[in-house]
């Protein structure tokens, strides 16, 4: 248990710092200082910084998957209400963070996808998993006739994820919730209307 706790602390602190500063601008020692663990602990769990980065993508993906599942599989709400709740929970988190940070996977993709094929492949799968969660919700909505029958759930999920990532980028640039509100309005008051 202590070993997993140490690894979890390293990943948690590394995630926090990298989310703020980026992967290339974060040093191993900075992560270890924040996690309050010796350097040997890092190399017990990770071969090098790239291995840490790959495991960090898995860590982020599990967190986002867990959040998506908790929101998108709520009982007693329609699929569209669940989807809106999912995006609203992320909007609340963005507001709490002062419109800084954005999506951890999106940030890493912007920084690392062109530089490291292993990172790119892992991030591609992370985005696909996110998109599949959204698509499942849209499929249910289509079956319940809450969206147009011509709507392709997977293609629409990909579009929503792409649009969300762009809205997060604009949110950071404008230091404002407004781009996310525009996203919400366009998606739920136009695109997903039956």
N, C-alpha and C. Protein backbone atom coordinates (compact mmCIF):
# COMPACT_ATOMS: atom_id res chain seq x y z
N UNK A 1 0.82 -1.19 0.00
CA UNK A 1 0.00 0.00 0.00
C UNK A 1 0.87 1.26 0.00
N UNK A 2 1.95 1.25 0.79
CA UNK A 2 2.83 2.42 0.85
C UNK A 2 3.45 2.70 -0.51
N UNK A 3 3.79 1.62 -1.24
CA UNK A 3 4.39 1.80 -2.56
C UNK A 3 3.40 2.49 -3.50
N UNK A 4 2.15 2.03 -3.51
CA UNK A 4 1.14 2.64 -4.38
C UNK A 4 0.87 4.08 -3.96
N UNK A 5 0.90 4.34 -2.65
CA UNK A 5 0.68 5.70 -2.17
C UNK A 5 1.80 6.61 -2.65
N UNK A 6 3.03 6.15 -2.62
CA UNK A 6 4.16 6.95 -3.10
C UNK A 6 4.02 7.22 -4.59
N UNK A 7 3.72 6.19 -5.36
CA UNK A 7 3.55 6.38 -6.81
C UNK A 7 2.40 7.34 -7.08
N UNK A 8 1.30 7.18 -6.35
CA UNK A 8 0.14 8.06 -6.52
C UNK A 8 0.52 9.50 -6.21
N UNK A 9 1.30 9.72 -5.15
CA UNK A 9 1.74 11.09 -4.80
C UNK A 9 2.59 11.68 -5.91
N UNK A 10 3.50 10.88 -6.45
CA UNK A 10 4.36 11.37 -7.54
C UNK A 10 3.50 11.74 -8.75
N UNK A 11 2.56 10.87 -9.11
CA UNK A 11 1.68 11.15 -10.26
C UNK A 11 0.79 12.36 -10.00
N UNK A 12 0.23 12.43 -8.80
CA UNK A 12 -0.67 13.54 -8.47
C UNK A 12 0.06 14.87 -8.51
N UNK A 13 1.21 14.94 -7.87
CA UNK A 13 1.97 16.20 -7.86
C UNK A 13 2.52 16.52 -9.24
N UNK A 14 2.98 15.49 -9.95
CA UNK A 14 3.45 15.70 -11.31
C UNK A 14 2.34 16.22 -12.20
N UNK A 15 1.16 15.65 -12.06
CA UNK A 15 0.00 16.09 -12.86
C UNK A 15 -0.31 17.55 -12.58
N UNK A 16 -0.30 17.92 -11.31
CA UNK A 16 -0.62 19.30 -10.93
C UNK A 16 0.39 20.28 -11.53
N UNK A 17 1.66 19.97 -11.40
CA UNK A 17 2.71 20.89 -11.88
C UNK A 17 2.72 20.94 -13.41
N UNK A 18 2.64 19.79 -14.05
CA UNK A 18 2.66 19.74 -15.52
C UNK A 18 1.44 20.43 -16.10
N UNK A 19 0.31 20.32 -15.41
CA UNK A 19 -0.90 21.00 -15.87
C UNK A 19 -0.69 22.52 -15.87
N UNK A 20 0.11 23.01 -14.93
CA UNK A 20 0.38 24.45 -14.83
C UNK A 20 1.51 24.90 -15.75
N UNK A 21 2.58 24.11 -15.83
CA UNK A 21 3.80 24.56 -16.50
C UNK A 21 4.11 23.86 -17.81
N UNK A 22 3.50 22.72 -18.05
CA UNK A 22 3.82 21.94 -19.24
C UNK A 22 4.84 20.86 -18.92
N UNK A 23 4.91 19.87 -19.79
CA UNK A 23 5.79 18.73 -19.58
C UNK A 23 7.26 19.12 -19.69
N UNK A 24 7.60 19.84 -20.74
CA UNK A 24 9.00 20.19 -20.98
C UNK A 24 9.55 21.21 -19.99
N UNK A 25 8.68 21.95 -19.34
CA UNK A 25 9.13 22.97 -18.38
C UNK A 25 9.04 22.49 -16.94
N UNK A 26 8.83 21.20 -16.76
CA UNK A 26 8.75 20.62 -15.42
C UNK A 26 9.89 19.62 -15.26
N UNK A 27 10.65 19.80 -14.20
CA UNK A 27 11.76 18.88 -13.93
C UNK A 27 11.36 17.79 -12.96
N UNK A 28 12.07 16.68 -13.04
CA UNK A 28 11.81 15.56 -12.14
C UNK A 28 11.99 15.99 -10.68
N UNK A 29 13.04 16.76 -10.42
CA UNK A 29 13.30 17.17 -9.04
C UNK A 29 12.16 18.02 -8.48
N UNK A 30 11.60 18.87 -9.31
CA UNK A 30 10.47 19.70 -8.88
C UNK A 30 9.28 18.82 -8.47
N UNK A 31 9.03 17.78 -9.23
CA UNK A 31 7.95 16.85 -8.91
C UNK A 31 8.25 16.13 -7.60
N UNK A 32 9.48 15.67 -7.46
CA UNK A 32 9.86 14.93 -6.25
C UNK A 32 9.79 15.82 -5.01
N UNK A 33 10.21 17.07 -5.14
CA UNK A 33 10.12 18.00 -4.01
C UNK A 33 8.66 18.20 -3.60
N UNK A 34 7.80 18.37 -4.58
CA UNK A 34 6.37 18.58 -4.28
C UNK A 34 5.75 17.33 -3.66
N UNK A 35 6.17 16.16 -4.13
CA UNK A 35 5.64 14.89 -3.61
C UNK A 35 6.31 14.48 -2.31
N UNK A 36 7.41 15.16 -1.99
CA UNK A 36 8.20 14.87 -0.79
C UNK A 36 8.68 13.42 -0.76
N UNK A 37 9.29 13.02 -1.89
CA UNK A 37 9.87 11.68 -1.97
C UNK A 37 11.29 11.79 -2.54
N UNK A 38 12.17 10.85 -2.20
CA UNK A 38 13.54 10.89 -2.72
C UNK A 38 13.59 10.47 -4.19
N UNK A 39 14.68 10.85 -4.85
CA UNK A 39 14.85 10.58 -6.28
C UNK A 39 14.77 9.08 -6.59
N UNK A 40 15.28 8.26 -5.71
CA UNK A 40 15.24 6.82 -5.93
C UNK A 40 13.82 6.29 -6.07
N UNK A 41 12.89 6.93 -5.38
CA UNK A 41 11.49 6.52 -5.48
C UNK A 41 10.96 6.73 -6.89
N UNK A 42 11.37 7.82 -7.51
CA UNK A 42 10.92 8.09 -8.88
C UNK A 42 11.37 6.96 -9.80
N UNK A 43 12.65 6.61 -9.71
CA UNK A 43 13.20 5.59 -10.61
C UNK A 43 12.78 4.17 -10.25
N UNK A 44 12.19 3.99 -9.08
CA UNK A 44 11.61 2.70 -8.73
C UNK A 44 10.34 2.47 -9.56
N UNK A 45 9.58 3.54 -9.81
CA UNK A 45 8.30 3.44 -10.52
C UNK A 45 8.38 3.79 -12.00
N UNK A 46 9.36 4.61 -12.38
CA UNK A 46 9.43 5.12 -13.75
C UNK A 46 10.85 4.98 -14.27
N UNK A 47 10.99 4.50 -15.51
CA UNK A 47 12.32 4.33 -16.11
C UNK A 47 13.01 5.67 -16.32
N UNK A 48 12.22 6.66 -16.74
CA UNK A 48 12.75 7.99 -17.05
C UNK A 48 11.56 8.95 -17.12
N UNK A 49 11.82 10.18 -17.50
CA UNK A 49 10.75 11.17 -17.54
C UNK A 49 9.70 10.82 -18.60
N UNK A 50 10.12 10.28 -19.73
CA UNK A 50 9.14 9.90 -20.75
C UNK A 50 8.22 8.79 -20.25
N UNK A 51 8.78 7.81 -19.55
CA UNK A 51 7.95 6.75 -18.98
C UNK A 51 6.96 7.34 -17.98
N UNK A 52 7.43 8.28 -17.18
CA UNK A 52 6.54 8.99 -16.26
C UNK A 52 5.41 9.68 -17.04
N UNK A 53 5.77 10.35 -18.12
CA UNK A 53 4.77 11.05 -18.94
C UNK A 53 3.73 10.10 -19.51
N UNK A 54 4.16 8.95 -19.97
CA UNK A 54 3.22 7.96 -20.51
C UNK A 54 2.28 7.44 -19.42
N UNK A 55 2.84 7.18 -18.24
CA UNK A 55 1.99 6.74 -17.13
C UNK A 55 1.08 7.87 -16.65
N UNK A 56 1.55 9.09 -16.78
CA UNK A 56 0.74 10.25 -16.41
C UNK A 56 -0.47 10.37 -17.34
N UNK A 57 -0.29 10.09 -18.62
CA UNK A 57 -1.42 10.11 -19.55
C UNK A 57 -2.46 9.07 -19.13
N UNK A 58 -2.00 7.88 -18.74
CA UNK A 58 -2.92 6.85 -18.23
C UNK A 58 -3.65 7.34 -16.98
N UNK A 59 -2.91 8.00 -16.11
CA UNK A 59 -3.47 8.55 -14.86
C UNK A 59 -4.55 9.57 -15.17
N UNK A 60 -4.25 10.51 -16.07
CA UNK A 60 -5.24 11.51 -16.49
C UNK A 60 -6.46 10.83 -17.11
N UNK A 61 -6.20 9.87 -17.98
CA UNK A 61 -7.29 9.21 -18.70
C UNK A 61 -8.21 8.48 -17.73
N UNK A 62 -7.65 7.81 -16.74
CA UNK A 62 -8.47 7.12 -15.74
C UNK A 62 -9.31 8.12 -14.96
N UNK A 63 -8.72 9.25 -14.61
CA UNK A 63 -9.46 10.28 -13.88
C UNK A 63 -10.62 10.82 -14.72
N UNK A 64 -10.34 11.16 -15.97
CA UNK A 64 -11.36 11.71 -16.85
C UNK A 64 -12.44 10.67 -17.14
N UNK A 65 -12.02 9.41 -17.35
CA UNK A 65 -12.98 8.32 -17.55
C UNK A 65 -13.91 8.18 -16.35
N UNK A 66 -13.33 8.22 -15.18
CA UNK A 66 -14.12 8.09 -13.95
C UNK A 66 -15.13 9.23 -13.84
N UNK A 67 -14.69 10.45 -14.12
CA UNK A 67 -15.58 11.60 -14.07
C UNK A 67 -16.68 11.47 -15.12
N UNK A 68 -16.31 11.05 -16.32
CA UNK A 68 -17.30 10.89 -17.39
C UNK A 68 -18.31 9.82 -17.02
N UNK A 69 -17.84 8.71 -16.51
CA UNK A 69 -18.76 7.63 -16.14
C UNK A 69 -19.72 8.06 -15.04
N UNK A 70 -19.21 8.80 -14.05
CA UNK A 70 -20.09 9.22 -12.95
C UNK A 70 -21.16 10.19 -13.44
N UNK A 71 -20.85 11.02 -14.42
CA UNK A 71 -21.83 11.98 -14.94
C UNK A 71 -22.72 11.37 -16.02
N UNK A 72 -22.12 10.61 -16.92
CA UNK A 72 -22.85 10.15 -18.10
C UNK A 72 -23.71 8.91 -17.85
N UNK A 73 -23.53 8.27 -16.70
CA UNK A 73 -24.33 7.08 -16.42
C UNK A 73 -25.30 7.29 -15.26
N UNK A 74 -25.54 8.54 -14.90
CA UNK A 74 -26.49 8.83 -13.82
C UNK A 74 -27.88 8.30 -14.18
N UNK A 75 -28.53 7.70 -13.22
CA UNK A 75 -29.90 7.24 -13.46
C UNK A 75 -30.86 8.36 -13.09
N UNK A 76 -32.02 8.33 -13.71
CA UNK A 76 -33.03 9.33 -13.41
C UNK A 76 -32.91 10.61 -14.22
N UNK A 77 -31.93 10.67 -15.12
CA UNK A 77 -31.77 11.83 -15.99
C UNK A 77 -31.72 11.36 -17.43
N UNK A 78 -32.19 12.20 -18.32
CA UNK A 78 -32.14 11.85 -19.74
C UNK A 78 -30.68 11.89 -20.22
N UNK A 79 -30.37 11.21 -21.31
CA UNK A 79 -29.00 11.24 -21.83
C UNK A 79 -28.50 12.67 -22.11
N UNK A 80 -29.37 13.54 -22.63
CA UNK A 80 -28.95 14.91 -22.92
C UNK A 80 -28.70 15.67 -21.62
N UNK A 81 -29.51 15.45 -20.60
CA UNK A 81 -29.28 16.09 -19.30
C UNK A 81 -27.95 15.61 -18.70
N UNK A 82 -27.67 14.32 -18.86
CA UNK A 82 -26.40 13.78 -18.34
C UNK A 82 -25.22 14.38 -19.08
N UNK A 83 -25.34 14.48 -20.40
CA UNK A 83 -24.26 15.05 -21.20
C UNK A 83 -24.04 16.52 -20.83
N UNK A 84 -25.11 17.26 -20.68
CA UNK A 84 -24.99 18.67 -20.29
C UNK A 84 -24.35 18.76 -18.89
N UNK A 85 -24.76 17.88 -17.98
CA UNK A 85 -24.18 17.86 -16.64
C UNK A 85 -22.69 17.58 -16.67
N UNK A 86 -22.28 16.68 -17.55
CA UNK A 86 -20.86 16.36 -17.71
C UNK A 86 -20.07 17.61 -18.12
N UNK A 87 -20.54 18.30 -19.15
CA UNK A 87 -19.82 19.50 -19.59
C UNK A 87 -19.91 20.61 -18.54
N UNK A 88 -21.03 20.72 -17.87
CA UNK A 88 -21.15 21.76 -16.83
C UNK A 88 -20.20 21.48 -15.67
N UNK A 89 -20.00 20.22 -15.32
CA UNK A 89 -19.06 19.91 -14.23
C UNK A 89 -17.65 20.32 -14.62
N UNK A 90 -17.30 20.13 -15.88
CA UNK A 90 -15.97 20.56 -16.33
C UNK A 90 -15.90 22.09 -16.42
N UNK A 91 -17.01 22.74 -16.76
CA UNK A 91 -17.04 24.20 -16.78
C UNK A 91 -16.83 24.75 -15.37
N UNK A 92 -17.45 24.12 -14.39
CA UNK A 92 -17.29 24.54 -12.99
C UNK A 92 -15.84 24.38 -12.55
N UNK A 93 -15.23 23.27 -12.94
CA UNK A 93 -13.83 23.04 -12.59
C UNK A 93 -12.94 24.10 -13.23
N UNK A 94 -13.22 24.45 -14.49
CA UNK A 94 -12.43 25.48 -15.18
C UNK A 94 -12.57 26.82 -14.48
N UNK A 95 -13.78 27.13 -14.05
CA UNK A 95 -14.01 28.40 -13.35
C UNK A 95 -13.28 28.41 -12.01
N UNK A 96 -13.33 27.29 -11.29
CA UNK A 96 -12.64 27.18 -10.00
C UNK A 96 -11.13 27.35 -10.16
N UNK A 97 -10.59 26.94 -11.30
CA UNK A 97 -9.15 27.05 -11.56
C UNK A 97 -8.79 28.41 -12.15
N UNK A 98 -9.74 29.33 -12.18
CA UNK A 98 -9.45 30.67 -12.69
C UNK A 98 -9.18 30.69 -14.19
N UNK A 99 -9.81 29.77 -14.93
CA UNK A 99 -9.68 29.69 -16.39
C UNK A 99 -8.26 29.36 -16.83
N UNK A 100 -7.52 28.72 -15.96
CA UNK A 100 -6.15 28.31 -16.28
C UNK A 100 -6.12 26.78 -16.38
N UNK A 101 -5.13 26.28 -17.02
CA UNK A 101 -4.96 24.83 -17.09
C UNK A 101 -5.59 24.22 -18.32
N UNK A 102 -6.91 24.24 -18.40
CA UNK A 102 -7.58 23.59 -19.53
C UNK A 102 -7.59 22.08 -19.35
N UNK A 103 -7.63 21.37 -20.45
CA UNK A 103 -7.65 19.90 -20.44
C UNK A 103 -6.23 19.37 -20.36
N UNK A 104 -5.91 18.55 -19.37
CA UNK A 104 -4.54 18.03 -19.26
C UNK A 104 -4.09 17.26 -20.50
N UNK A 105 -4.97 16.44 -21.06
CA UNK A 105 -4.61 15.67 -22.26
C UNK A 105 -4.44 16.61 -23.45
N UNK A 106 -5.34 17.57 -23.58
CA UNK A 106 -5.24 18.55 -24.66
C UNK A 106 -3.95 19.35 -24.58
N UNK A 107 -3.60 19.77 -23.37
CA UNK A 107 -2.35 20.52 -23.19
C UNK A 107 -1.14 19.68 -23.59
N UNK A 108 -1.12 18.43 -23.12
CA UNK A 108 0.00 17.55 -23.48
C UNK A 108 0.04 17.30 -24.98
N UNK A 109 -1.12 17.16 -25.60
CA UNK A 109 -1.16 16.93 -27.05
C UNK A 109 -0.57 18.12 -27.79
N UNK A 110 -0.91 19.32 -27.37
CA UNK A 110 -0.36 20.51 -28.03
C UNK A 110 1.15 20.58 -27.87
N UNK A 111 1.63 20.16 -26.72
CA UNK A 111 3.06 20.27 -26.43
C UNK A 111 3.87 19.10 -26.99
N UNK A 112 3.32 17.87 -26.93
CA UNK A 112 4.16 16.70 -27.14
C UNK A 112 3.83 15.85 -28.37
N UNK A 113 2.66 16.00 -28.96
CA UNK A 113 2.24 15.09 -30.04
C UNK A 113 3.20 15.10 -31.22
N UNK A 114 3.77 16.24 -31.55
CA UNK A 114 4.71 16.33 -32.67
C UNK A 114 6.11 15.85 -32.31
N UNK A 115 6.39 15.73 -31.02
CA UNK A 115 7.75 15.42 -30.58
C UNK A 115 7.96 13.96 -30.18
N UNK A 116 6.89 13.27 -29.82
CA UNK A 116 7.05 11.94 -29.24
C UNK A 116 5.91 11.04 -29.69
N UNK A 117 6.22 10.07 -30.53
CA UNK A 117 5.20 9.18 -31.11
C UNK A 117 4.48 8.36 -30.04
N UNK A 118 5.20 7.91 -29.03
CA UNK A 118 4.55 7.13 -27.97
C UNK A 118 3.52 7.98 -27.23
N UNK A 119 3.86 9.24 -26.96
CA UNK A 119 2.91 10.16 -26.32
C UNK A 119 1.70 10.36 -27.23
N UNK A 120 1.96 10.62 -28.52
CA UNK A 120 0.88 10.88 -29.47
C UNK A 120 -0.10 9.71 -29.51
N UNK A 121 0.43 8.50 -29.56
CA UNK A 121 -0.41 7.31 -29.62
C UNK A 121 -1.25 7.17 -28.35
N UNK A 122 -0.64 7.39 -27.20
CA UNK A 122 -1.38 7.30 -25.92
C UNK A 122 -2.46 8.36 -25.84
N UNK A 123 -2.14 9.58 -26.29
CA UNK A 123 -3.13 10.66 -26.23
C UNK A 123 -4.25 10.42 -27.23
N UNK A 124 -3.92 9.86 -28.37
CA UNK A 124 -4.94 9.52 -29.36
C UNK A 124 -5.95 8.55 -28.73
N UNK A 125 -5.46 7.54 -28.05
CA UNK A 125 -6.35 6.58 -27.40
C UNK A 125 -7.15 7.24 -26.28
N UNK A 126 -6.53 8.16 -25.54
CA UNK A 126 -7.26 8.87 -24.48
C UNK A 126 -8.43 9.66 -25.06
N UNK A 127 -8.19 10.37 -26.16
CA UNK A 127 -9.27 11.13 -26.80
C UNK A 127 -10.34 10.18 -27.34
N UNK A 128 -9.93 9.06 -27.87
CA UNK A 128 -10.92 8.09 -28.39
C UNK A 128 -11.80 7.55 -27.27
N UNK A 129 -11.20 7.30 -26.13
CA UNK A 129 -11.99 6.82 -24.99
C UNK A 129 -12.99 7.88 -24.55
N UNK A 130 -12.55 9.13 -24.47
CA UNK A 130 -13.46 10.21 -24.09
C UNK A 130 -14.61 10.30 -25.09
N UNK A 131 -14.27 10.23 -26.36
CA UNK A 131 -15.27 10.33 -27.41
C UNK A 131 -16.27 9.18 -27.35
N UNK A 132 -15.79 7.98 -27.06
CA UNK A 132 -16.69 6.82 -26.96
C UNK A 132 -17.70 6.99 -25.82
N UNK A 133 -17.25 7.56 -24.70
CA UNK A 133 -18.17 7.81 -23.58
C UNK A 133 -19.28 8.76 -24.00
N UNK A 134 -18.92 9.82 -24.71
CA UNK A 134 -19.91 10.79 -25.19
C UNK A 134 -20.82 10.14 -26.22
N UNK A 135 -20.24 9.37 -27.14
CA UNK A 135 -21.02 8.71 -28.19
C UNK A 135 -22.07 7.77 -27.61
N UNK A 136 -21.72 7.07 -26.55
CA UNK A 136 -22.68 6.15 -25.93
C UNK A 136 -23.89 6.92 -25.42
N UNK A 137 -23.64 8.06 -24.82
CA UNK A 137 -24.73 8.90 -24.31
C UNK A 137 -25.59 9.41 -25.48
N UNK A 138 -24.94 9.81 -26.56
CA UNK A 138 -25.67 10.30 -27.74
C UNK A 138 -26.47 9.17 -28.41
N UNK A 139 -25.93 7.97 -28.37
CA UNK A 139 -26.65 6.83 -28.94
C UNK A 139 -27.95 6.59 -28.16
N UNK A 140 -27.86 6.66 -26.84
CA UNK A 140 -29.06 6.52 -26.01
C UNK A 140 -30.06 7.63 -26.33
N UNK A 141 -29.56 8.85 -26.48
CA UNK A 141 -30.43 9.99 -26.79
C UNK A 141 -31.14 9.77 -28.13
N UNK A 142 -30.42 9.25 -29.10
CA UNK A 142 -31.04 8.99 -30.41
C UNK A 142 -32.11 7.91 -30.31
N UNK A 143 -31.81 6.85 -29.55
CA UNK A 143 -32.79 5.77 -29.36
C UNK A 143 -34.07 6.29 -28.70
N UNK A 144 -33.92 7.29 -27.82
CA UNK A 144 -35.07 7.88 -27.13
C UNK A 144 -35.67 9.05 -27.91
N UNK A 145 -35.14 9.28 -29.12
CA UNK A 145 -35.62 10.35 -30.00
C UNK A 145 -35.46 11.74 -29.37
N UNK A 146 -34.39 11.91 -28.59
CA UNK A 146 -34.09 13.21 -27.98
C UNK A 146 -33.19 14.06 -28.88
N UNK A 147 -32.66 13.44 -29.93
CA UNK A 147 -31.86 14.14 -30.95
C UNK A 147 -32.34 13.63 -32.31
N UNK A 148 -31.94 14.31 -33.35
CA UNK A 148 -32.32 13.89 -34.71
C UNK A 148 -31.87 12.45 -34.97
N UNK A 149 -32.69 11.71 -35.66
CA UNK A 149 -32.37 10.32 -35.99
C UNK A 149 -31.19 10.24 -36.96
N UNK A 150 -30.98 11.30 -37.74
CA UNK A 150 -29.87 11.32 -38.70
C UNK A 150 -28.52 11.59 -38.03
N UNK A 151 -28.54 11.94 -36.77
CA UNK A 151 -27.31 12.27 -36.05
C UNK A 151 -26.48 11.00 -35.85
N UNK A 152 -25.23 11.04 -36.27
CA UNK A 152 -24.32 9.92 -36.06
C UNK A 152 -23.65 10.11 -34.69
N UNK A 153 -23.91 9.21 -33.72
CA UNK A 153 -23.39 9.41 -32.37
C UNK A 153 -21.87 9.56 -32.29
N UNK A 154 -21.13 8.70 -32.99
CA UNK A 154 -19.67 8.76 -32.89
C UNK A 154 -19.11 10.02 -33.55
N UNK A 155 -19.59 10.33 -34.73
CA UNK A 155 -19.11 11.53 -35.42
C UNK A 155 -19.46 12.79 -34.62
N UNK A 156 -20.64 12.82 -34.05
CA UNK A 156 -21.06 13.97 -33.25
C UNK A 156 -20.22 14.06 -31.98
N UNK A 157 -19.93 12.92 -31.36
CA UNK A 157 -19.08 12.90 -30.17
C UNK A 157 -17.69 13.43 -30.49
N UNK A 158 -17.14 13.02 -31.63
CA UNK A 158 -15.83 13.54 -32.04
C UNK A 158 -15.89 15.05 -32.23
N UNK A 159 -16.95 15.53 -32.87
CA UNK A 159 -17.12 16.97 -33.08
C UNK A 159 -17.24 17.71 -31.74
N UNK A 160 -18.03 17.16 -30.82
CA UNK A 160 -18.18 17.81 -29.51
C UNK A 160 -16.85 17.89 -28.78
N UNK A 161 -16.10 16.80 -28.80
CA UNK A 161 -14.80 16.80 -28.12
C UNK A 161 -13.85 17.79 -28.77
N UNK A 162 -13.82 17.82 -30.10
CA UNK A 162 -12.97 18.79 -30.81
C UNK A 162 -13.38 20.22 -30.46
N UNK A 163 -14.68 20.48 -30.45
CA UNK A 163 -15.19 21.81 -30.14
C UNK A 163 -14.88 22.20 -28.70
N UNK A 164 -15.02 21.23 -27.80
CA UNK A 164 -14.74 21.49 -26.38
C UNK A 164 -13.26 21.86 -26.20
N UNK A 165 -12.38 21.10 -26.83
CA UNK A 165 -10.95 21.39 -26.70
C UNK A 165 -10.63 22.79 -27.24
N UNK A 166 -11.25 23.17 -28.35
CA UNK A 166 -11.06 24.51 -28.89
C UNK A 166 -11.61 25.57 -27.96
N UNK A 167 -12.76 25.31 -27.35
CA UNK A 167 -13.35 26.26 -26.41
C UNK A 167 -12.45 26.43 -25.18
N UNK A 168 -11.81 25.34 -24.73
CA UNK A 168 -10.88 25.44 -23.61
C UNK A 168 -9.67 26.30 -23.96
N UNK A 169 -9.18 26.15 -25.17
CA UNK A 169 -8.05 26.96 -25.62
C UNK A 169 -8.43 28.44 -25.61
N UNK A 170 -9.60 28.76 -26.15
CA UNK A 170 -10.08 30.15 -26.15
C UNK A 170 -10.32 30.65 -24.72
N UNK A 171 -10.84 29.78 -23.85
CA UNK A 171 -11.06 30.16 -22.45
C UNK A 171 -9.76 30.63 -21.82
N UNK A 172 -8.68 29.87 -22.07
CA UNK A 172 -7.38 30.24 -21.50
C UNK A 172 -6.89 31.55 -22.09
N UNK A 173 -7.03 31.71 -23.41
CA UNK A 173 -6.55 32.93 -24.07
C UNK A 173 -7.34 34.16 -23.63
N UNK A 174 -8.63 33.99 -23.37
CA UNK A 174 -9.48 35.11 -23.00
C UNK A 174 -9.66 35.26 -21.49
N UNK A 175 -9.16 34.27 -20.74
CA UNK A 175 -9.32 34.28 -19.28
C UNK A 175 -10.79 34.50 -18.90
N UNK A 176 -11.64 33.71 -19.53
CA UNK A 176 -13.08 33.92 -19.39
C UNK A 176 -13.83 32.62 -19.61
N UNK A 177 -14.98 32.51 -18.97
CA UNK A 177 -15.87 31.37 -19.14
C UNK A 177 -16.65 31.46 -20.45
N UNK A 178 -16.67 32.63 -21.06
CA UNK A 178 -17.52 32.88 -22.23
C UNK A 178 -17.37 31.84 -23.35
N UNK A 179 -16.17 31.44 -23.76
CA UNK A 179 -16.08 30.42 -24.83
C UNK A 179 -16.77 29.10 -24.46
N UNK A 180 -16.75 28.74 -23.19
CA UNK A 180 -17.42 27.51 -22.77
C UNK A 180 -18.93 27.68 -22.77
N UNK A 181 -19.39 28.88 -22.43
CA UNK A 181 -20.82 29.17 -22.49
C UNK A 181 -21.33 29.15 -23.93
N UNK A 182 -20.52 29.67 -24.85
CA UNK A 182 -20.88 29.63 -26.28
C UNK A 182 -20.97 28.18 -26.73
N UNK A 183 -19.98 27.37 -26.33
CA UNK A 183 -20.01 25.93 -26.64
C UNK A 183 -21.32 25.31 -26.15
N UNK A 184 -21.62 25.53 -24.88
CA UNK A 184 -22.83 24.94 -24.29
C UNK A 184 -24.09 25.39 -25.05
N UNK A 185 -24.18 26.66 -25.33
CA UNK A 185 -25.35 27.18 -26.04
C UNK A 185 -25.49 26.56 -27.43
N UNK A 186 -24.42 26.54 -28.19
CA UNK A 186 -24.47 26.00 -29.55
C UNK A 186 -24.79 24.50 -29.56
N UNK A 187 -24.20 23.78 -28.64
CA UNK A 187 -24.40 22.33 -28.60
C UNK A 187 -25.82 21.98 -28.15
N UNK A 188 -26.24 22.54 -27.03
CA UNK A 188 -27.49 22.08 -26.44
C UNK A 188 -28.72 22.85 -26.91
N UNK A 189 -28.53 24.04 -27.44
CA UNK A 189 -29.68 24.81 -27.93
C UNK A 189 -29.78 24.82 -29.45
N UNK A 190 -28.84 24.16 -30.11
CA UNK A 190 -28.88 24.12 -31.57
C UNK A 190 -28.54 22.72 -32.09
N UNK A 191 -27.29 22.32 -31.99
CA UNK A 191 -26.82 21.08 -32.59
C UNK A 191 -27.61 19.84 -32.13
N UNK A 192 -27.86 19.73 -30.85
CA UNK A 192 -28.50 18.52 -30.33
C UNK A 192 -30.01 18.63 -30.19
N UNK A 193 -30.58 19.67 -30.72
CA UNK A 193 -32.04 19.79 -30.71
C UNK A 193 -32.63 18.76 -31.68
N UNK A 194 -33.75 18.10 -31.29
CA UNK A 194 -34.36 17.10 -32.19
C UNK A 194 -34.90 17.72 -33.48
